[in-house]
Amino acid sequence: MENSSIIACYNELIQIEHGEVRSQFKLRACNSVFTALDHCHEAIEITSDDHVIQYVNPAFERMMGYHKGELLGKELADLPKSDKNRADLLDTINTCIKKGKEWQGVYYARRKSGDSIQQ
């Protein structure tokens, strides 16, 4: 009886260790992705499903004139919008994304300075 308990404990420890190793690999992969995004020359902004800004890369900061701390945790709706976009454009983009499709087109964003920029 005691022998099977030792084997069960050993198997449990192996599973825990294997899970931790897998988690470490996933964490390293995520860190690699964010390192790549940080060095990308294209402006990148990542939001949650409810449109809260989770990440912006340095290129986005330079292009838009904001510092990361001014944006993280804010809703996209709280940022100034360009009046050059169609009124239903954001709804169109969101519908495509929710369907798992890619949206392509012209979108104008407003820099911190107030200027509109085509993205």
N, C-alpha and C. Protein backbone atom coordinates (compact mmCIF):
# COMPACT_ATOMS: atom_id res chain seq x y z
N MET A 1 0.83 -1.19 0.00
CA MET A 1 0.00 0.00 0.00
C MET A 1 0.87 1.25 0.00
N GLU A 2 1.87 1.27 0.84
CA GLU A 2 2.75 2.42 0.93
C GLU A 2 3.51 2.62 -0.37
N ASN A 3 3.87 1.55 -1.02
CA ASN A 3 4.61 1.60 -2.27
C ASN A 3 3.80 2.29 -3.37
N SER A 4 2.50 2.01 -3.45
CA SER A 4 1.67 2.65 -4.47
C SER A 4 1.50 4.14 -4.17
N SER A 5 1.52 4.50 -2.89
CA SER A 5 1.44 5.92 -2.53
C SER A 5 2.68 6.67 -2.98
N ILE A 6 3.83 6.03 -2.85
CA ILE A 6 5.08 6.64 -3.29
C ILE A 6 5.07 6.84 -4.80
N ILE A 7 4.58 5.83 -5.52
CA ILE A 7 4.51 5.92 -6.98
C ILE A 7 3.52 7.03 -7.38
N ALA A 8 2.40 7.10 -6.69
CA ALA A 8 1.41 8.15 -7.00
C ALA A 8 2.01 9.53 -6.75
N CYS A 9 2.73 9.68 -5.66
CA CYS A 9 3.39 10.96 -5.36
C CYS A 9 4.44 11.29 -6.41
N TYR A 10 5.21 10.30 -6.81
CA TYR A 10 6.24 10.50 -7.83
C TYR A 10 5.61 10.93 -9.15
N ASN A 11 4.52 10.25 -9.54
CA ASN A 11 3.82 10.61 -10.78
C ASN A 11 3.26 12.04 -10.70
N GLU A 12 2.75 12.40 -9.54
CA GLU A 12 2.23 13.75 -9.34
C GLU A 12 3.34 14.79 -9.49
N LEU A 13 4.49 14.51 -8.89
CA LEU A 13 5.63 15.43 -9.00
C LEU A 13 6.10 15.57 -10.45
N ILE A 14 6.11 14.48 -11.19
CA ILE A 14 6.50 14.53 -12.60
C ILE A 14 5.52 15.40 -13.38
N GLN A 15 4.22 15.23 -13.12
CA GLN A 15 3.22 16.03 -13.83
C GLN A 15 3.35 17.51 -13.48
N ILE A 16 3.61 17.80 -12.21
CA ILE A 16 3.79 19.20 -11.80
C ILE A 16 5.01 19.79 -12.49
N GLU A 17 6.11 19.05 -12.49
CA GLU A 17 7.34 19.54 -13.12
C GLU A 17 7.13 19.74 -14.61
N HIS A 18 6.46 18.78 -15.26
CA HIS A 18 6.20 18.88 -16.70
C HIS A 18 5.33 20.11 -16.99
N GLY A 19 4.33 20.36 -16.15
CA GLY A 19 3.47 21.53 -16.32
C GLY A 19 4.23 22.82 -16.15
N GLU A 20 5.14 22.86 -15.18
CA GLU A 20 5.95 24.06 -14.96
C GLU A 20 6.88 24.31 -16.13
N VAL A 21 7.48 23.24 -16.65
CA VAL A 21 8.37 23.39 -17.81
C VAL A 21 7.58 23.92 -19.00
N ARG A 22 6.39 23.36 -19.22
CA ARG A 22 5.54 23.82 -20.33
C ARG A 22 5.18 25.29 -20.14
N SER A 23 4.85 25.67 -18.91
CA SER A 23 4.52 27.08 -18.63
C SER A 23 5.72 27.99 -18.88
N GLN A 24 6.91 27.53 -18.52
CA GLN A 24 8.12 28.32 -18.76
C GLN A 24 8.37 28.51 -20.25
N PHE A 25 8.13 27.45 -21.04
CA PHE A 25 8.30 27.57 -22.49
C PHE A 25 7.29 28.57 -23.07
N LYS A 26 6.06 28.50 -22.59
CA LYS A 26 5.04 29.44 -23.07
C LYS A 26 5.40 30.87 -22.70
N LEU A 27 5.90 31.06 -21.48
CA LEU A 27 6.30 32.39 -21.04
C LEU A 27 7.45 32.92 -21.88
N ARG A 28 8.42 32.07 -22.17
CA ARG A 28 9.54 32.49 -23.03
C ARG A 28 9.05 32.86 -24.42
N ALA A 29 8.11 32.07 -24.96
CA ALA A 29 7.56 32.37 -26.28
C ALA A 29 6.85 33.72 -26.28
N CYS A 30 6.06 33.98 -25.24
CA CYS A 30 5.37 35.27 -25.13
C CYS A 30 6.37 36.41 -25.03
N ASN A 31 7.40 36.23 -24.24
CA ASN A 31 8.43 37.27 -24.11
C ASN A 31 9.11 37.52 -25.45
N SER A 32 9.34 36.47 -26.23
CA SER A 32 9.95 36.63 -27.55
C SER A 32 9.05 37.42 -28.48
N VAL A 33 7.75 37.14 -28.42
CA VAL A 33 6.80 37.87 -29.27
C VAL A 33 6.81 39.35 -28.90
N PHE A 34 6.76 39.66 -27.61
CA PHE A 34 6.75 41.07 -27.20
C PHE A 34 8.07 41.77 -27.52
N THR A 35 9.17 41.05 -27.45
CA THR A 35 10.45 41.63 -27.85
C THR A 35 10.42 41.98 -29.33
N ALA A 36 9.88 41.06 -30.14
CA ALA A 36 9.76 41.33 -31.58
C ALA A 36 8.86 42.53 -31.84
N LEU A 37 7.73 42.60 -31.14
CA LEU A 37 6.81 43.73 -31.32
C LEU A 37 7.47 45.04 -30.90
N ASP A 38 8.25 45.01 -29.84
CA ASP A 38 8.95 46.21 -29.38
C ASP A 38 9.95 46.73 -30.41
N HIS A 39 10.50 45.84 -31.22
CA HIS A 39 11.50 46.23 -32.21
C HIS A 39 10.93 46.41 -33.61
N CYS A 40 9.64 46.18 -33.77
CA CYS A 40 8.98 46.33 -35.06
C CYS A 40 8.87 47.82 -35.42
N HIS A 41 9.05 48.13 -36.69
CA HIS A 41 8.96 49.53 -37.13
C HIS A 41 7.52 49.96 -37.40
N GLU A 42 6.60 49.01 -37.46
CA GLU A 42 5.19 49.31 -37.67
C GLU A 42 4.53 49.61 -36.32
N ALA A 43 3.59 50.53 -36.31
CA ALA A 43 2.85 50.86 -35.08
C ALA A 43 1.89 49.72 -34.76
N ILE A 44 1.97 49.21 -33.53
CA ILE A 44 1.12 48.09 -33.12
C ILE A 44 0.43 48.45 -31.82
N GLU A 45 -0.87 48.17 -31.81
CA GLU A 45 -1.71 48.42 -30.64
C GLU A 45 -2.52 47.14 -30.41
N ILE A 46 -2.51 46.63 -29.19
CA ILE A 46 -3.27 45.42 -28.87
C ILE A 46 -4.32 45.80 -27.84
N THR A 47 -5.57 45.39 -28.12
CA THR A 47 -6.67 45.68 -27.21
C THR A 47 -7.34 44.38 -26.77
N SER A 48 -8.07 44.48 -25.68
CA SER A 48 -8.87 43.35 -25.22
C SER A 48 -10.15 43.28 -26.04
N ASP A 49 -10.95 42.24 -25.80
CA ASP A 49 -12.22 42.10 -26.51
C ASP A 49 -13.15 43.28 -26.28
N ASP A 50 -13.03 43.91 -25.12
CA ASP A 50 -13.88 45.05 -24.82
C ASP A 50 -13.19 46.39 -25.11
N HIS A 51 -12.19 46.35 -25.99
CA HIS A 51 -11.53 47.54 -26.55
C HIS A 51 -10.72 48.35 -25.54
N VAL A 52 -10.17 47.68 -24.56
CA VAL A 52 -9.27 48.33 -23.61
C VAL A 52 -7.84 48.09 -24.09
N ILE A 53 -7.05 49.15 -24.16
CA ILE A 53 -5.69 49.04 -24.68
C ILE A 53 -4.83 48.26 -23.69
N GLN A 54 -4.22 47.18 -24.20
CA GLN A 54 -3.37 46.31 -23.39
C GLN A 54 -1.89 46.54 -23.66
N TYR A 55 -1.56 46.97 -24.88
CA TYR A 55 -0.15 47.10 -25.28
C TYR A 55 -0.05 48.04 -26.46
N VAL A 56 0.97 48.86 -26.47
CA VAL A 56 1.39 49.63 -27.65
C VAL A 56 2.90 49.52 -27.74
N ASN A 57 3.40 49.43 -28.96
CA ASN A 57 4.86 49.33 -29.11
C ASN A 57 5.47 50.73 -29.26
N PRO A 58 6.80 50.83 -29.17
CA PRO A 58 7.46 52.14 -29.29
C PRO A 58 7.15 52.86 -30.61
N ALA A 59 6.98 52.12 -31.70
CA ALA A 59 6.65 52.76 -32.98
C ALA A 59 5.28 53.44 -32.89
N PHE A 60 4.34 52.82 -32.20
CA PHE A 60 3.02 53.43 -32.00
C PHE A 60 3.15 54.71 -31.18
N GLU A 61 3.96 54.66 -30.13
CA GLU A 61 4.18 55.85 -29.30
C GLU A 61 4.74 57.00 -30.13
N ARG A 62 5.75 56.69 -30.96
CA ARG A 62 6.37 57.74 -31.80
C ARG A 62 5.37 58.28 -32.81
N MET A 63 4.63 57.39 -33.47
CA MET A 63 3.72 57.82 -34.53
C MET A 63 2.55 58.64 -33.98
N MET A 64 2.02 58.22 -32.83
CA MET A 64 0.81 58.85 -32.32
C MET A 64 1.08 59.96 -31.31
N GLY A 65 2.31 60.03 -30.79
CA GLY A 65 2.66 61.10 -29.86
C GLY A 65 2.27 60.85 -28.41
N TYR A 66 1.81 59.67 -28.12
CA TYR A 66 1.44 59.30 -26.75
C TYR A 66 2.55 58.49 -26.11
N HIS A 67 2.61 58.52 -24.79
CA HIS A 67 3.47 57.61 -24.04
C HIS A 67 2.61 56.42 -23.62
N LYS A 68 3.25 55.28 -23.53
CA LYS A 68 2.55 54.04 -23.19
C LYS A 68 1.67 54.21 -21.95
N GLY A 69 2.18 54.87 -20.93
CA GLY A 69 1.43 55.05 -19.69
C GLY A 69 0.14 55.84 -19.86
N GLU A 70 0.07 56.67 -20.89
CA GLU A 70 -1.15 57.44 -21.15
C GLU A 70 -2.23 56.59 -21.78
N LEU A 71 -1.86 55.44 -22.34
CA LEU A 71 -2.80 54.64 -23.13
C LEU A 71 -3.23 53.35 -22.46
N LEU A 72 -2.30 52.68 -21.78
CA LEU A 72 -2.61 51.37 -21.23
C LEU A 72 -3.77 51.45 -20.24
N GLY A 73 -4.74 50.56 -20.44
CA GLY A 73 -5.91 50.52 -19.56
C GLY A 73 -7.04 51.43 -19.99
N LYS A 74 -6.81 52.24 -21.02
CA LYS A 74 -7.87 53.14 -21.51
C LYS A 74 -8.69 52.44 -22.59
N GLU A 75 -9.94 52.81 -22.68
CA GLU A 75 -10.79 52.30 -23.75
C GLU A 75 -10.55 53.10 -25.02
N LEU A 76 -10.62 52.41 -26.15
CA LEU A 76 -10.43 53.10 -27.43
C LEU A 76 -11.42 54.25 -27.60
N ALA A 77 -12.62 54.07 -27.06
CA ALA A 77 -13.66 55.11 -27.18
C ALA A 77 -13.26 56.40 -26.48
N ASP A 78 -12.32 56.31 -25.52
CA ASP A 78 -11.89 57.50 -24.78
C ASP A 78 -10.85 58.33 -25.54
N LEU A 79 -10.29 57.77 -26.60
CA LEU A 79 -9.27 58.49 -27.37
C LEU A 79 -9.92 59.37 -28.42
N PRO A 80 -9.30 60.51 -28.74
CA PRO A 80 -9.85 61.38 -29.78
C PRO A 80 -9.92 60.64 -31.12
N LYS A 81 -11.01 60.87 -31.85
CA LYS A 81 -11.20 60.20 -33.13
C LYS A 81 -11.09 61.20 -34.27
N SER A 82 -10.65 60.71 -35.40
CA SER A 82 -10.59 61.54 -36.59
C SER A 82 -11.98 61.63 -37.21
N ASP A 83 -12.32 62.80 -37.71
CA ASP A 83 -13.62 62.96 -38.37
C ASP A 83 -13.55 62.56 -39.84
N LYS A 84 -12.42 62.02 -40.28
CA LYS A 84 -12.27 61.60 -41.67
C LYS A 84 -12.82 60.19 -41.92
N ASN A 85 -13.14 59.44 -40.85
CA ASN A 85 -13.66 58.09 -41.00
C ASN A 85 -15.18 58.11 -41.17
N ARG A 86 -15.70 57.09 -41.86
CA ARG A 86 -17.15 56.90 -41.93
C ARG A 86 -17.67 56.63 -40.52
N ALA A 87 -18.89 57.02 -40.26
CA ALA A 87 -19.46 56.85 -38.92
C ALA A 87 -19.54 55.39 -38.50
N ASP A 88 -19.77 54.48 -39.44
CA ASP A 88 -19.94 53.06 -39.11
C ASP A 88 -18.65 52.25 -39.26
N LEU A 89 -17.53 52.92 -39.48
CA LEU A 89 -16.28 52.20 -39.76
C LEU A 89 -15.85 51.29 -38.61
N LEU A 90 -15.88 51.79 -37.38
CA LEU A 90 -15.45 50.96 -36.25
C LEU A 90 -16.37 49.75 -36.07
N ASP A 91 -17.66 49.93 -36.30
CA ASP A 91 -18.58 48.79 -36.23
C ASP A 91 -18.24 47.76 -37.30
N THR A 92 -17.90 48.22 -38.49
CA THR A 92 -17.52 47.32 -39.58
C THR A 92 -16.26 46.54 -39.22
N ILE A 93 -15.27 47.24 -38.69
CA ILE A 93 -14.02 46.58 -38.29
C ILE A 93 -14.29 45.55 -37.19
N ASN A 94 -15.06 45.93 -36.17
CA ASN A 94 -15.37 45.02 -35.07
C ASN A 94 -16.13 43.79 -35.54
N THR A 95 -17.06 43.96 -36.46
CA THR A 95 -17.82 42.83 -36.99
C THR A 95 -16.90 41.85 -37.69
N CYS A 96 -15.97 42.35 -38.49
CA CYS A 96 -15.01 41.47 -39.17
C CYS A 96 -14.17 40.70 -38.16
N ILE A 97 -13.67 41.39 -37.17
CA ILE A 97 -12.80 40.76 -36.17
C ILE A 97 -13.56 39.69 -35.39
N LYS A 98 -14.79 39.98 -35.00
CA LYS A 98 -15.58 39.01 -34.24
C LYS A 98 -15.88 37.76 -35.06
N LYS A 99 -15.95 37.91 -36.38
CA LYS A 99 -16.18 36.76 -37.26
C LYS A 99 -14.89 36.03 -37.58
N GLY A 100 -13.78 36.51 -37.04
CA GLY A 100 -12.49 35.87 -37.29
C GLY A 100 -11.92 36.22 -38.65
N LYS A 101 -12.41 37.28 -39.24
CA LYS A 101 -11.94 37.70 -40.56
C LYS A 101 -11.01 38.89 -40.44
N GLU A 102 -10.25 39.10 -41.48
CA GLU A 102 -9.32 40.23 -41.53
C GLU A 102 -10.02 41.41 -42.17
N TRP A 103 -9.85 42.59 -41.60
CA TRP A 103 -10.37 43.80 -42.20
C TRP A 103 -9.23 44.52 -42.88
N GLN A 104 -9.48 44.98 -44.09
CA GLN A 104 -8.49 45.79 -44.81
C GLN A 104 -9.18 47.05 -45.28
N GLY A 105 -8.47 48.13 -45.16
CA GLY A 105 -9.03 49.39 -45.60
C GLY A 105 -8.23 50.55 -45.05
N VAL A 106 -8.78 51.73 -45.19
CA VAL A 106 -8.12 52.94 -44.71
C VAL A 106 -8.82 53.40 -43.44
N TYR A 107 -8.02 53.66 -42.43
CA TYR A 107 -8.53 54.16 -41.15
C TYR A 107 -7.69 55.37 -40.76
N TYR A 108 -8.35 56.41 -40.33
CA TYR A 108 -7.65 57.61 -39.87
C TYR A 108 -7.68 57.66 -38.35
N ALA A 109 -6.53 57.83 -37.77
CA ALA A 109 -6.43 57.98 -36.32
C ALA A 109 -6.04 59.42 -36.02
N ARG A 110 -6.28 59.84 -34.80
CA ARG A 110 -5.92 61.20 -34.41
C ARG A 110 -4.74 61.13 -33.45
N ARG A 111 -3.69 61.84 -33.84
CA ARG A 111 -2.51 61.92 -32.98
C ARG A 111 -2.82 62.77 -31.75
N LYS A 112 -1.95 62.68 -30.78
CA LYS A 112 -2.12 63.49 -29.57
C LYS A 112 -2.12 64.97 -29.93
N SER A 113 -1.36 65.34 -30.96
CA SER A 113 -1.29 66.74 -31.40
C SER A 113 -2.58 67.23 -32.05
N GLY A 114 -3.48 66.29 -32.39
CA GLY A 114 -4.73 66.65 -33.05
C GLY A 114 -4.73 66.37 -34.53
N ASP A 115 -3.57 66.14 -35.12
CA ASP A 115 -3.48 65.83 -36.55
C ASP A 115 -4.05 64.44 -36.82
N SER A 116 -4.68 64.28 -37.98
CA SER A 116 -5.15 62.96 -38.41
C SER A 116 -4.04 62.27 -39.18
N ILE A 117 -3.96 60.96 -39.03
CA ILE A 117 -2.96 60.17 -39.73
C ILE A 117 -3.63 58.92 -40.29
N GLN A 118 -3.30 58.63 -41.54
CA GLN A 118 -3.86 57.44 -42.18
C GLN A 118 -3.08 56.20 -41.74
N GLN A 119 -3.82 55.17 -41.38
CA GLN A 119 -3.17 53.92 -40.97
C GLN A 119 -3.58 52.81 -41.89
